[in-house]
Amino acid sequence: MEIRYKILIFIIAAGISSASFIFFASEKKIVIGGSSTVAAKVPRTDREISAKPESRKEASIIFGGDVMRDRYVRQVGETKGYGYILEGIKDELIGSEAVVANLEGPMTDNDSVSLGSEFGSRDNYIFTFSPETAGFLKEHNIRIVNIGNNHIDNFGQAGIVSTIESVENSGIEYFGDFRIRGSGNHMLKDFDGTRIAFVGYNQFVANSREVALKDVGDARGTADFVVVYAHWGKEYENGAREEEVLLAHEFVDKGADLVIGSHPHVIQNKEAYKGKMIYYSLGNFVFDQYFSEAVTQGLLVKAIFDKNRKGIRLEECRIRMLNSGRIVADDSGSKCF
């Protein structure tokens, strides 16, 4: 009887031990080299319990090319409403923190000279946009504009001053011209903790190269990212010239993280140089040129600036200018990005 009792006690104890082992073993598995091995339960430490993934600080910015709101664009806006022009891609534009574009002319109270002018005539290339243009830009999230280009002074210094006043009064920020205000060639914008510097280069203004290179170097010390927006090149050429390539490389060597180009009115080539992307021309954004397939197309570039990873992710979307005056995504009316 005593022997049977001891055997019974041993069996019960063994069963409890086995059950306990099975319970704890199911808590955690460690896989090594494709095989599974079982480990005992490992209690979490206070450090593990309180640890959280590091928050990622990103800023999403869309870059577009040349925006012109005179001539036929003005005619369409006055008859169909200016909202009609960008209605096809508005959702994409307002889905980012800001859109940056080249404002290809001044905002003034002057009457239009180019509206109804003969194609190719001198008047056909003199632009002025009504001050209400600022509202149009803001409605479509174009909150930062480059004003360093070959049309901004179509109405002289007074036109540049009027433009600056119009955008500032509407809460739109600008960069690209240092002739009126010495610091106007660049700006620094804080996007919820991600500081991005925008530097302008205008090949049509003396000393712009030297000013831009200095601005890039100065901004490198205060910004998380530096973007150069360059108005350069030869109109309607499909590729960048050697002088633009060399200057773009200089910008990167000086500290630029991204280079965006405008002016040729067609999409040009792009390249990666020392790990930084250079878009030599984004082509047209809002324009009224229809004389070739190339000038009806533009490129939007969505740049996602990742401060924690110290990098930029890029997405591209081709757009098309229809002769109705409307701009749409080029891929059969599909959505961008």
Protein backbone atom coordinates (compact mmCIF):
# COMPACT_ATOMS: atom_id res chain seq x y z
CA MET A 1 0.00 0.00 0.00
CA GLU A 2 2.81 2.41 0.94
CA ILE A 3 4.59 1.73 -2.36
CA ARG A 4 1.40 2.39 -4.38
CA TYR A 5 0.85 5.67 -2.48
CA LYS A 6 4.38 6.90 -3.30
CA ILE A 7 3.93 5.97 -6.96
CA LEU A 8 0.64 7.91 -7.09
CA ILE A 9 2.27 10.99 -5.52
CA PHE A 10 5.11 10.81 -8.08
CA ILE A 11 2.70 10.60 -11.04
CA ILE A 12 0.66 13.61 -9.85
CA ALA A 13 3.81 15.71 -9.26
CA ALA A 14 5.18 14.80 -12.68
CA GLY A 15 1.90 15.75 -14.30
CA ILE A 16 1.85 19.18 -12.65
CA SER A 17 5.47 19.82 -13.67
CA SER A 18 4.76 18.78 -17.27
CA ALA A 19 1.67 20.98 -17.45
CA SER A 20 3.63 23.95 -16.10
CA PHE A 21 6.36 23.42 -18.71
CA ILE A 22 3.84 23.30 -21.55
CA PHE A 23 2.16 26.54 -20.37
CA PHE A 24 5.37 28.52 -20.11
CA ALA A 25 6.77 27.12 -23.33
CA SER A 26 3.80 28.48 -25.26
CA GLU A 27 4.65 32.04 -24.14
CA LYS A 28 7.70 32.54 -26.35
CA LYS A 29 9.48 30.88 -29.25
CA ILE A 30 12.93 31.67 -30.54
CA VAL A 31 13.57 30.62 -34.13
CA ILE A 32 17.18 29.92 -35.00
CA GLY A 33 18.33 28.93 -38.45
CA GLY A 34 14.89 27.86 -39.59
CA SER A 35 14.28 25.52 -36.68
CA SER A 36 12.21 26.24 -33.61
CA THR A 37 13.53 25.93 -30.13
CA VAL A 38 11.50 26.53 -27.02
CA ALA A 39 12.53 28.92 -24.29
CA ALA A 40 11.08 29.65 -20.90
CA LYS A 41 8.90 32.72 -20.38
CA VAL A 42 11.00 35.90 -20.26
CA PRO A 43 9.40 38.71 -18.25
CA ARG A 44 9.43 42.17 -19.89
CA THR A 45 11.53 44.80 -18.22
CA ASP A 46 10.31 48.34 -17.46
CA ARG A 47 12.57 49.55 -20.30
CA GLU A 48 10.82 47.27 -22.79
CA ILE A 49 7.36 48.22 -21.56
CA SER A 50 7.98 51.96 -21.85
CA ALA A 51 9.83 51.84 -25.18
CA LYS A 52 7.89 53.26 -28.14
CA PRO A 53 8.77 53.52 -31.84
CA GLU A 54 10.46 56.83 -32.63
CA SER A 55 8.03 59.24 -34.28
CA ARG A 56 8.86 59.99 -37.91
CA LYS A 57 8.93 63.61 -38.97
CA GLU A 58 8.04 63.99 -42.63
CA ALA A 59 7.00 66.85 -44.87
CA SER A 60 5.24 66.22 -48.17
CA ILE A 61 5.81 68.94 -50.80
CA ILE A 62 4.69 68.95 -54.45
CA PHE A 63 6.82 70.80 -56.99
CA GLY A 64 5.40 72.07 -60.27
CA GLY A 65 6.73 74.08 -63.19
CA ASP A 66 5.64 77.35 -64.80
CA VAL A 67 2.34 78.99 -63.80
CA MET A 68 1.03 81.72 -66.12
CA ARG A 69 -2.42 83.33 -65.59
CA ASP A 70 -2.72 85.71 -68.52
CA ARG A 71 -3.46 85.44 -72.24
CA TYR A 72 -5.72 82.43 -73.01
CA VAL A 73 -5.59 81.21 -69.39
CA ARG A 74 -7.12 84.54 -68.34
CA GLN A 75 -9.80 84.18 -71.01
CA VAL A 76 -10.73 80.69 -69.79
CA GLY A 77 -10.74 81.81 -66.17
CA GLU A 78 -12.99 84.77 -66.87
CA THR A 79 -15.50 82.69 -68.83
CA LYS A 80 -15.47 79.30 -67.06
CA GLY A 81 -14.10 80.30 -63.68
CA TYR A 82 -10.51 79.88 -62.56
CA GLY A 83 -11.40 76.85 -60.49
CA TYR A 84 -12.12 75.00 -63.75
CA ILE A 85 -8.45 75.11 -64.76
CA LEU A 86 -7.04 72.94 -61.95
CA GLU A 87 -10.22 71.12 -60.99
CA GLY A 88 -8.92 67.85 -62.44
CA ILE A 89 -5.92 67.63 -60.09
CA LYS A 90 -7.05 69.74 -57.13
CA ASP A 91 -7.43 66.79 -54.77
CA GLU A 92 -3.80 65.82 -55.34
CA LEU A 93 -2.56 69.37 -54.82
CA ILE A 94 -4.34 69.91 -51.52
CA GLY A 95 -3.20 66.53 -50.22
CA SER A 96 0.30 67.79 -49.41
CA GLU A 97 1.65 70.35 -46.96
CA ALA A 98 2.30 72.78 -49.82
CA VAL A 99 2.77 73.10 -53.56
CA VAL A 100 5.78 75.03 -54.87
CA ALA A 101 5.68 76.50 -58.39
CA ASN A 102 7.24 79.18 -60.57
CA LEU A 103 5.02 82.27 -60.84
CA GLU A 104 5.76 83.29 -64.42
CA GLY A 105 4.83 86.96 -64.19
CA PRO A 106 3.83 89.79 -61.86
CA MET A 107 0.53 90.45 -60.09
CA THR A 108 -0.59 94.01 -60.87
CA ASP A 109 -3.71 96.11 -61.40
CA ASN A 110 -2.66 96.80 -64.98
CA ASP A 111 -4.82 95.73 -67.89
CA SER A 112 -3.64 92.67 -69.78
CA VAL A 113 -1.41 93.37 -72.74
CA SER A 114 -1.16 89.80 -73.99
CA LEU A 115 -4.89 88.96 -73.99
CA GLY A 116 -5.99 88.83 -77.62
CA SER A 117 -2.51 89.69 -78.93
CA GLU A 118 -1.08 88.13 -82.05
CA PHE A 119 0.92 84.96 -81.51
CA GLY A 120 4.63 85.72 -81.67
CA SER A 121 4.21 89.46 -81.26
CA ARG A 122 6.01 91.40 -78.51
CA ASP A 123 2.77 91.95 -76.59
CA ASN A 124 2.14 88.21 -76.60
CA TYR A 125 4.99 87.75 -74.12
CA ILE A 126 4.18 90.53 -71.66
CA PHE A 127 2.31 89.10 -68.68
CA THR A 128 0.37 90.51 -65.77
CA PHE A 129 -1.89 88.61 -63.42
CA SER A 130 -4.65 90.24 -61.41
CA PRO A 131 -4.03 90.42 -57.63
CA GLU A 132 -6.85 87.89 -57.21
CA THR A 133 -4.35 85.35 -58.54
CA ALA A 134 -3.11 84.97 -54.97
CA GLY A 135 -6.49 83.57 -53.96
CA PHE A 136 -6.39 81.14 -56.87
CA LEU A 137 -2.95 79.93 -55.81
CA LYS A 138 -3.94 79.52 -52.18
CA GLU A 139 -7.17 77.67 -53.06
CA HIS A 140 -5.05 75.07 -54.83
CA ASN A 141 -2.44 74.85 -52.05
CA ILE A 142 0.23 76.68 -54.05
CA ARG A 143 1.55 78.31 -50.91
CA ILE A 144 5.15 78.91 -51.96
CA VAL A 145 6.16 80.55 -55.25
CA ASN A 146 9.41 81.26 -57.00
CA ILE A 147 9.39 84.78 -58.47
CA GLY A 148 12.87 84.65 -59.98
CA ASN A 149 12.20 84.38 -63.71
CA ASN A 150 12.34 86.30 -66.98
CA HIS A 151 8.75 87.62 -66.78
CA ILE A 152 8.50 88.85 -63.20
CA ASP A 153 9.71 92.30 -64.27
CA ASN A 154 7.40 92.64 -67.29
CA PHE A 155 5.94 95.68 -65.50
CA GLY A 156 9.19 96.84 -63.99
CA GLN A 157 10.16 97.14 -60.37
CA ALA A 158 6.67 98.33 -59.49
CA GLY A 159 5.30 95.02 -60.75
CA ILE A 160 7.70 93.03 -58.57
CA VAL A 161 6.76 95.08 -55.49
CA SER A 162 3.07 94.63 -56.26
CA THR A 163 3.58 90.87 -56.57
CA ILE A 164 5.38 90.61 -53.24
CA GLU A 165 2.65 92.63 -51.53
CA SER A 166 -0.12 90.52 -53.08
CA VAL A 167 1.35 87.18 -52.03
CA GLU A 168 2.30 88.37 -48.56
CA ASN A 169 -1.17 89.77 -47.94
CA SER A 170 -2.61 86.38 -48.88
CA GLY A 171 -0.28 84.34 -46.69
CA ILE A 172 1.69 82.95 -49.61
CA GLU A 173 5.46 82.81 -49.22
CA TYR A 174 7.97 83.56 -51.96
CA PHE A 175 11.65 83.36 -52.85
CA GLY A 176 13.84 83.86 -55.92
CA ASP A 177 14.42 87.61 -56.29
CA PHE A 178 17.02 89.57 -54.32
CA ARG A 179 16.75 92.85 -56.22
CA ILE A 180 13.95 94.36 -54.14
CA ARG A 181 14.82 92.82 -50.80
CA GLY A 182 18.29 91.44 -50.34
CA SER A 183 17.03 88.39 -48.43
CA GLY A 184 14.27 87.62 -50.91
CA ASN A 185 16.29 85.07 -52.86
CA HIS A 186 15.73 82.34 -50.30
CA MET A 187 13.37 81.39 -47.50
CA LEU A 188 13.31 78.91 -44.64
CA LYS A 189 10.06 77.13 -43.83
CA ASP A 190 9.37 74.93 -40.81
CA PHE A 191 6.96 72.09 -41.60
CA ASP A 192 6.05 70.80 -38.14
CA GLY A 193 9.67 70.28 -37.13
CA THR A 194 11.18 69.69 -40.58
CA ARG A 195 13.03 72.82 -41.72
CA ILE A 196 13.31 73.21 -45.51
CA ALA A 197 15.22 76.02 -47.22
CA PHE A 198 14.12 77.14 -50.70
CA VAL A 199 16.79 78.91 -52.74
CA GLY A 200 16.17 80.60 -56.08
CA TYR A 201 18.43 80.86 -59.09
CA ASN A 202 17.50 83.06 -62.08
CA GLN A 203 19.82 82.92 -65.08
CA PHE A 204 18.35 86.18 -66.36
CA VAL A 205 19.64 88.26 -63.42
CA ALA A 206 23.28 89.26 -62.97
CA ASN A 207 25.09 87.72 -59.98
CA SER A 208 22.28 85.23 -59.38
CA ARG A 209 24.71 82.31 -59.49
CA GLU A 210 26.95 83.76 -56.80
CA VAL A 211 24.00 84.73 -54.60
CA ALA A 212 22.38 81.30 -54.97
CA LEU A 213 25.56 79.40 -54.14
CA LYS A 214 26.10 81.53 -51.05
CA ASP A 215 22.48 81.04 -49.98
CA VAL A 216 22.82 77.26 -50.33
CA GLY A 217 25.93 77.26 -48.17
CA ASP A 218 24.33 79.49 -45.54
CA ALA A 219 21.10 77.46 -45.47
CA ARG A 220 23.00 74.22 -45.01
CA GLY A 221 23.79 75.23 -41.45
CA THR A 222 20.19 75.94 -40.41
CA ALA A 223 17.95 73.70 -42.53
CA ASP A 224 17.31 69.97 -42.50
CA PHE A 225 16.98 70.06 -46.30
CA VAL A 226 17.95 72.57 -48.98
CA VAL A 227 16.06 72.81 -52.28
CA VAL A 228 17.25 74.93 -55.21
CA TYR A 229 14.59 76.08 -57.66
CA ALA A 230 16.39 77.18 -60.82
CA HIS A 231 14.93 79.19 -63.71
CA TRP A 232 17.36 78.34 -66.47
CA GLY A 233 18.02 76.58 -69.76
CA LYS A 234 16.89 76.99 -73.33
CA GLU A 235 13.22 76.99 -74.22
CA TYR A 236 11.76 73.91 -75.94
CA GLU A 237 15.02 71.91 -75.74
CA ASN A 238 14.45 68.33 -74.62
CA GLY A 239 17.65 68.10 -72.59
CA ALA A 240 19.70 70.29 -70.31
CA ARG A 241 22.80 72.01 -71.63
CA GLU A 242 26.26 71.43 -70.17
CA GLU A 243 26.18 74.76 -68.34
CA GLU A 244 23.02 73.79 -66.43
CA VAL A 245 24.49 70.38 -65.59
CA LEU A 246 27.70 71.89 -64.22
CA LEU A 247 25.81 74.49 -62.17
CA ALA A 248 23.42 71.88 -60.79
CA HIS A 249 26.43 69.87 -59.64
CA GLU A 250 27.82 72.98 -57.98
CA PHE A 251 24.57 73.43 -56.08
CA VAL A 252 24.75 69.85 -54.82
CA ASP A 253 28.43 70.17 -53.94
CA LYS A 254 27.55 73.26 -51.92
CA GLY A 255 24.85 71.44 -49.98
CA ALA A 256 21.62 71.21 -52.02
CA ASP A 257 19.53 68.08 -51.43
CA LEU A 258 17.22 68.56 -54.42
CA VAL A 259 17.35 70.73 -57.55
CA ILE A 260 14.20 71.65 -59.47
CA GLY A 261 14.30 73.43 -62.84
CA SER A 262 11.85 75.50 -64.87
CA HIS A 263 11.74 77.78 -67.96
CA PRO A 264 12.19 75.46 -70.99
CA HIS A 265 8.38 74.77 -71.04
CA VAL A 266 9.06 71.09 -71.73
CA ILE A 267 10.02 68.21 -69.47
CA GLN A 268 13.76 67.67 -69.59
CA ASN A 269 16.05 64.94 -68.33
CA LYS A 270 16.78 64.20 -64.69
CA GLU A 271 19.80 62.71 -62.99
CA ALA A 272 21.08 61.55 -59.63
CA TYR A 273 24.33 63.21 -58.66
CA LYS A 274 26.07 62.18 -55.44
CA GLY A 275 22.79 60.69 -54.27
CA LYS A 276 20.82 63.90 -54.88
CA MET A 277 18.16 64.22 -57.58
CA ILE A 278 18.23 66.96 -60.21
CA TYR A 279 15.18 67.71 -62.37
CA TYR A 280 16.38 70.06 -65.10
CA SER A 281 12.90 71.15 -66.15
CA LEU A 282 9.40 70.19 -64.99
CA GLY A 283 7.82 71.80 -68.04
CA ASN A 284 4.54 73.70 -67.84
CA PHE A 285 2.12 73.59 -64.92
CA VAL A 286 -0.55 76.16 -65.85
CA PHE A 287 0.05 77.52 -69.35
CA ASP A 288 -1.56 77.99 -72.74
CA GLN A 289 0.94 76.48 -75.17
CA TYR A 290 -0.45 73.83 -77.51
CA PHE A 291 1.76 73.98 -80.60
CA SER A 292 3.52 70.68 -79.84
CA GLU A 293 2.97 67.57 -77.77
CA ALA A 294 5.93 68.40 -75.54
CA VAL A 295 4.68 71.81 -74.38
CA THR A 296 1.28 70.42 -73.36
CA GLN A 297 2.93 68.14 -70.80
CA GLY A 298 4.30 68.90 -67.37
CA LEU A 299 5.68 66.98 -64.45
CA LEU A 300 4.65 67.21 -60.81
CA VAL A 301 7.18 65.88 -58.32
CA LYS A 302 6.05 64.93 -54.83
CA ALA A 303 8.98 65.04 -52.42
CA ILE A 304 8.58 63.44 -49.00
CA PHE A 305 11.27 64.87 -46.76
CA ASP A 306 12.09 62.39 -43.98
CA LYS A 307 14.00 64.15 -41.23
CA ASN A 308 14.64 61.04 -39.13
CA ARG A 309 16.06 59.04 -42.01
CA LYS A 310 17.72 62.13 -43.52
CA GLY A 311 16.40 61.33 -46.98
CA ILE A 312 13.87 62.30 -49.65
CA ARG A 313 11.40 59.94 -51.31
CA LEU A 314 10.18 61.09 -54.71
CA GLU A 315 7.02 60.36 -56.68
CA GLU A 316 6.20 61.70 -60.14
CA CYS A 317 3.00 62.48 -62.00
CA ARG A 318 2.70 63.70 -65.57
CA ILE A 319 0.02 66.27 -66.29
CA ARG A 320 -1.43 67.52 -69.54
CA MET A 321 -2.74 70.92 -70.60
CA LEU A 322 -5.89 70.48 -72.68
CA ASN A 323 -6.78 73.16 -75.23
CA SER A 324 -9.96 73.75 -73.25
CA GLY A 325 -7.71 75.35 -70.66
CA ARG A 326 -8.06 72.51 -68.18
CA ILE A 327 -5.15 70.58 -66.65
CA VAL A 328 -5.52 66.85 -65.96
CA ALA A 329 -3.38 63.89 -64.97
CA ASP A 330 -1.82 62.59 -68.17
CA ASP A 331 -2.58 58.90 -67.59
CA SER A 332 -6.07 58.71 -69.06
CA GLY A 333 -7.56 60.97 -66.43
CA SER A 334 -6.32 58.91 -63.52
CA LYS A 335 -5.25 60.36 -60.19
CA CYS A 336 -1.71 61.44 -59.42
CA PHE A 337 0.35 59.90 -56.66
